[in-house]
N, C-alpha and C. Protein backbone atom coordinates (compact mmCIF):
# COMPACT_ATOMS: atom_id res chain seq x y z
N UNK A 1 7.74 -7.21 2.81
CA UNK A 1 6.62 -7.74 2.04
C UNK A 1 7.17 -8.70 1.00
N UNK A 2 6.60 -9.87 0.94
CA UNK A 2 6.97 -10.83 -0.09
C UNK A 2 6.09 -10.61 -1.31
N UNK A 3 4.80 -10.42 -1.10
CA UNK A 3 3.87 -10.22 -2.20
C UNK A 3 2.58 -9.62 -1.66
N UNK A 4 1.86 -8.93 -2.49
CA UNK A 4 0.53 -8.44 -2.15
C UNK A 4 -0.29 -8.39 -3.44
N UNK A 5 -1.59 -8.44 -3.29
CA UNK A 5 -2.45 -8.43 -4.47
C UNK A 5 -3.77 -7.77 -4.12
N UNK A 6 -4.31 -7.05 -5.07
CA UNK A 6 -5.63 -6.47 -4.93
C UNK A 6 -6.63 -7.50 -5.42
N UNK A 7 -7.52 -7.94 -4.55
CA UNK A 7 -8.50 -8.94 -4.96
C UNK A 7 -9.82 -8.31 -5.37
N UNK A 8 -10.08 -7.11 -4.89
CA UNK A 8 -11.31 -6.41 -5.23
C UNK A 8 -11.10 -4.93 -4.96
N UNK A 9 -11.66 -4.10 -5.83
CA UNK A 9 -11.62 -2.67 -5.59
C UNK A 9 -12.90 -2.05 -6.12
N UNK A 10 -13.32 -0.97 -5.49
CA UNK A 10 -14.58 -0.32 -5.86
C UNK A 10 -14.37 1.15 -6.18
N UNK A 11 -13.15 1.52 -6.53
CA UNK A 11 -12.84 2.91 -6.85
C UNK A 11 -13.30 3.25 -8.26
N UNK A 12 -13.25 4.52 -8.59
CA UNK A 12 -13.62 4.98 -9.92
C UNK A 12 -12.74 4.33 -10.97
N UNK A 13 -13.34 3.95 -12.09
CA UNK A 13 -12.59 3.32 -13.16
C UNK A 13 -11.45 4.24 -13.57
N UNK A 14 -10.28 3.64 -13.76
CA UNK A 14 -9.11 4.41 -14.15
C UNK A 14 -8.23 4.79 -12.98
N UNK A 15 -8.80 4.89 -11.80
CA UNK A 15 -8.01 5.22 -10.61
C UNK A 15 -7.69 3.95 -9.84
N UNK A 16 -8.71 3.28 -9.38
CA UNK A 16 -8.52 2.06 -8.62
C UNK A 16 -7.93 0.93 -9.44
N UNK A 17 -8.11 0.98 -10.76
CA UNK A 17 -7.56 -0.06 -11.64
C UNK A 17 -6.05 -0.18 -11.49
N UNK A 18 -5.39 0.91 -11.20
CA UNK A 18 -3.93 0.91 -11.06
C UNK A 18 -3.50 -0.08 -9.98
N UNK A 19 -4.29 -0.22 -8.91
CA UNK A 19 -3.94 -1.10 -7.79
C UNK A 19 -3.86 -2.57 -8.22
N UNK A 20 -4.50 -2.92 -9.31
CA UNK A 20 -4.49 -4.30 -9.76
C UNK A 20 -3.38 -4.65 -10.72
N UNK A 21 -2.51 -3.69 -11.04
CA UNK A 21 -1.46 -3.95 -12.02
C UNK A 21 -0.22 -4.55 -11.37
N UNK A 22 0.56 -5.27 -12.18
CA UNK A 22 1.81 -5.84 -11.68
C UNK A 22 2.78 -4.74 -11.24
N UNK A 23 2.83 -3.65 -11.98
CA UNK A 23 3.75 -2.56 -11.63
C UNK A 23 3.42 -1.98 -10.27
N UNK A 24 2.14 -1.84 -9.96
CA UNK A 24 1.74 -1.31 -8.65
C UNK A 24 2.12 -2.30 -7.55
N UNK A 25 1.79 -3.55 -7.76
CA UNK A 25 2.08 -4.59 -6.78
C UNK A 25 3.58 -4.72 -6.53
N UNK A 26 4.37 -4.66 -7.58
CA UNK A 26 5.81 -4.88 -7.47
C UNK A 26 6.52 -3.82 -6.62
N UNK A 27 5.98 -2.61 -6.54
CA UNK A 27 6.66 -1.57 -5.75
C UNK A 27 6.63 -1.85 -4.25
N UNK A 28 5.77 -2.74 -3.81
CA UNK A 28 5.67 -3.09 -2.39
C UNK A 28 6.65 -4.18 -1.99
N UNK A 29 7.13 -4.96 -2.94
CA UNK A 29 8.00 -6.09 -2.65
C UNK A 29 9.27 -5.65 -1.93
N UNK A 30 9.56 -6.33 -0.85
CA UNK A 30 10.77 -6.04 -0.07
C UNK A 30 10.63 -4.89 0.91
N UNK A 31 9.49 -4.25 0.95
CA UNK A 31 9.30 -3.12 1.87
C UNK A 31 8.99 -3.60 3.28
N UNK A 32 9.30 -2.77 4.23
CA UNK A 32 8.97 -3.02 5.63
C UNK A 32 7.94 -1.99 6.08
N UNK A 33 7.41 -2.20 7.26
CA UNK A 33 6.44 -1.26 7.81
C UNK A 33 7.00 0.16 7.88
N UNK A 34 8.29 0.27 8.22
CA UNK A 34 8.92 1.58 8.33
C UNK A 34 9.05 2.29 6.98
N UNK A 35 9.03 1.54 5.89
CA UNK A 35 9.15 2.13 4.55
C UNK A 35 7.87 2.84 4.10
N UNK A 36 6.76 2.49 4.73
CA UNK A 36 5.46 2.97 4.27
C UNK A 36 5.00 4.14 5.11
N UNK A 37 4.77 5.26 4.46
CA UNK A 37 4.29 6.48 5.09
C UNK A 37 2.95 6.80 4.45
N UNK A 38 1.94 7.09 5.28
CA UNK A 38 0.63 7.44 4.75
C UNK A 38 0.75 8.79 4.04
N UNK A 39 0.36 8.82 2.77
CA UNK A 39 0.47 10.04 1.97
C UNK A 39 -0.36 11.17 2.54
N UNK A 40 0.08 12.38 2.25
CA UNK A 40 -0.68 13.56 2.63
C UNK A 40 -1.56 13.97 1.46
N UNK A 41 -2.53 14.80 1.72
CA UNK A 41 -3.45 15.25 0.67
C UNK A 41 -2.95 16.51 0.03
N UNK A 42 -3.20 16.70 -1.22
CA UNK A 42 -3.56 15.68 -2.22
C UNK A 42 -2.30 14.98 -2.73
N UNK A 43 -2.49 13.78 -3.25
CA UNK A 43 -1.36 13.04 -3.81
C UNK A 43 -1.12 13.56 -5.23
N UNK A 44 0.11 14.00 -5.50
CA UNK A 44 0.41 14.51 -6.83
C UNK A 44 1.44 13.62 -7.52
N UNK A 45 1.70 13.90 -8.79
CA UNK A 45 2.57 13.05 -9.61
C UNK A 45 4.03 13.07 -9.17
N UNK A 46 4.43 14.04 -8.38
CA UNK A 46 5.82 14.15 -7.96
C UNK A 46 6.14 13.41 -6.66
N UNK A 47 5.15 12.80 -6.05
CA UNK A 47 5.39 12.14 -4.77
C UNK A 47 6.27 10.90 -4.94
N UNK A 48 7.02 10.60 -3.90
CA UNK A 48 7.84 9.38 -3.88
C UNK A 48 7.27 8.38 -2.88
N UNK A 49 6.08 8.65 -2.34
CA UNK A 49 5.45 7.74 -1.38
C UNK A 49 5.16 6.40 -2.04
N UNK A 50 5.47 5.32 -1.33
CA UNK A 50 5.18 3.98 -1.84
C UNK A 50 3.67 3.81 -1.95
N UNK A 51 3.24 3.36 -3.12
CA UNK A 51 1.83 3.10 -3.35
C UNK A 51 1.02 4.30 -3.77
N UNK A 52 1.64 5.47 -3.89
CA UNK A 52 0.90 6.67 -4.25
C UNK A 52 0.43 6.63 -5.69
N UNK A 53 -0.83 7.00 -5.89
CA UNK A 53 -1.42 7.11 -7.22
C UNK A 53 -1.86 8.55 -7.37
N UNK A 54 -1.20 9.28 -8.28
CA UNK A 54 -1.52 10.70 -8.48
C UNK A 54 -2.99 10.86 -8.85
N UNK A 55 -3.64 11.78 -8.16
CA UNK A 55 -5.04 12.07 -8.43
C UNK A 55 -6.01 11.11 -7.75
N UNK A 56 -5.48 10.16 -7.00
CA UNK A 56 -6.33 9.18 -6.32
C UNK A 56 -5.91 9.10 -4.85
N UNK A 57 -6.08 10.20 -4.16
CA UNK A 57 -5.62 10.31 -2.78
C UNK A 57 -6.32 9.30 -1.87
N UNK A 58 -7.61 9.13 -2.00
CA UNK A 58 -8.35 8.21 -1.14
C UNK A 58 -7.92 6.77 -1.40
N UNK A 59 -7.76 6.40 -2.65
CA UNK A 59 -7.28 5.06 -3.00
C UNK A 59 -5.90 4.84 -2.42
N UNK A 60 -5.02 5.80 -2.61
CA UNK A 60 -3.65 5.71 -2.11
C UNK A 60 -3.63 5.50 -0.60
N UNK A 61 -4.32 6.36 0.13
CA UNK A 61 -4.32 6.26 1.59
C UNK A 61 -4.93 4.94 2.05
N UNK A 62 -5.99 4.51 1.39
CA UNK A 62 -6.63 3.25 1.76
C UNK A 62 -5.70 2.07 1.60
N UNK A 63 -4.97 2.02 0.50
CA UNK A 63 -4.04 0.92 0.25
C UNK A 63 -2.89 0.97 1.25
N UNK A 64 -2.33 2.16 1.46
CA UNK A 64 -1.22 2.30 2.41
C UNK A 64 -1.66 1.88 3.82
N UNK A 65 -2.84 2.31 4.22
CA UNK A 65 -3.34 1.95 5.55
C UNK A 65 -3.59 0.45 5.66
N UNK A 66 -4.07 -0.17 4.59
CA UNK A 66 -4.32 -1.61 4.61
C UNK A 66 -3.01 -2.39 4.76
N UNK A 67 -1.97 -1.96 4.06
CA UNK A 67 -0.68 -2.63 4.17
C UNK A 67 -0.10 -2.45 5.56
N UNK A 68 -0.20 -1.25 6.12
CA UNK A 68 0.31 -1.02 7.47
C UNK A 68 -0.49 -1.85 8.49
N UNK A 69 -1.79 -2.01 8.28
CA UNK A 69 -2.61 -2.83 9.17
C UNK A 69 -2.20 -4.30 9.08
N UNK A 70 -1.84 -4.75 7.89
CA UNK A 70 -1.37 -6.13 7.73
C UNK A 70 -0.06 -6.34 8.48
N UNK A 71 0.83 -5.37 8.40
CA UNK A 71 2.08 -5.45 9.17
C UNK A 71 1.79 -5.49 10.67
N UNK A 72 0.89 -4.66 11.13
CA UNK A 72 0.56 -4.61 12.55
C UNK A 72 -0.03 -5.95 13.01
N UNK A 73 -0.90 -6.53 12.20
CA UNK A 73 -1.48 -7.83 12.55
C UNK A 73 -0.41 -8.91 12.59
N UNK A 74 0.48 -8.91 11.63
CA UNK A 74 1.58 -9.88 11.60
C UNK A 74 2.44 -9.76 12.84
N UNK A 75 2.81 -8.54 13.19
CA UNK A 75 3.66 -8.31 14.35
C UNK A 75 2.97 -8.72 15.64
N UNK A 76 1.66 -8.50 15.71
CA UNK A 76 0.89 -8.88 16.89
C UNK A 76 0.78 -10.40 17.02
N UNK A 77 0.65 -11.08 15.92
CA UNK A 77 0.40 -12.51 15.93
C UNK A 77 1.65 -13.38 15.92
N UNK A 78 2.80 -12.77 15.77
CA UNK A 78 4.03 -13.56 15.73
C UNK A 78 4.92 -13.20 16.91
N UNK A 79 5.82 -14.10 17.22
CA UNK A 79 6.74 -13.89 18.33
C UNK A 79 7.81 -12.88 17.95
N UNK A 80 8.39 -12.25 18.91
CA UNK A 80 9.52 -11.33 18.72
C UNK A 80 9.22 -10.21 17.74
N UNK A 81 8.01 -9.65 17.80
CA UNK A 81 7.68 -8.51 16.96
C UNK A 81 7.74 -8.79 15.48
N UNK A 82 7.38 -9.99 15.07
CA UNK A 82 7.35 -10.31 13.64
C UNK A 82 8.63 -10.89 13.09
N UNK A 83 9.56 -11.25 13.95
CA UNK A 83 10.83 -11.78 13.50
C UNK A 83 10.77 -13.27 13.16
N UNK A 84 9.67 -13.94 13.51
CA UNK A 84 9.56 -15.37 13.24
C UNK A 84 8.40 -15.65 12.33
């Protein structure tokens, strides 16, 4: 991942807001599809999952799934499994 940004979110105030911060965005930089694991329920403060927001399991899973879907689309649309 070179960069990602949250352009809109509809989660509860205080939970989804985290997705719009630079600190949240920056943790995705340099990651590959293999680095991202969909979090299990519930997401707690001790997790090391990329993109995990403690107490916001649905937000976390939604963001992780969206990033994995973007990787899948990229790999599908590019030659050599995303190498170009």
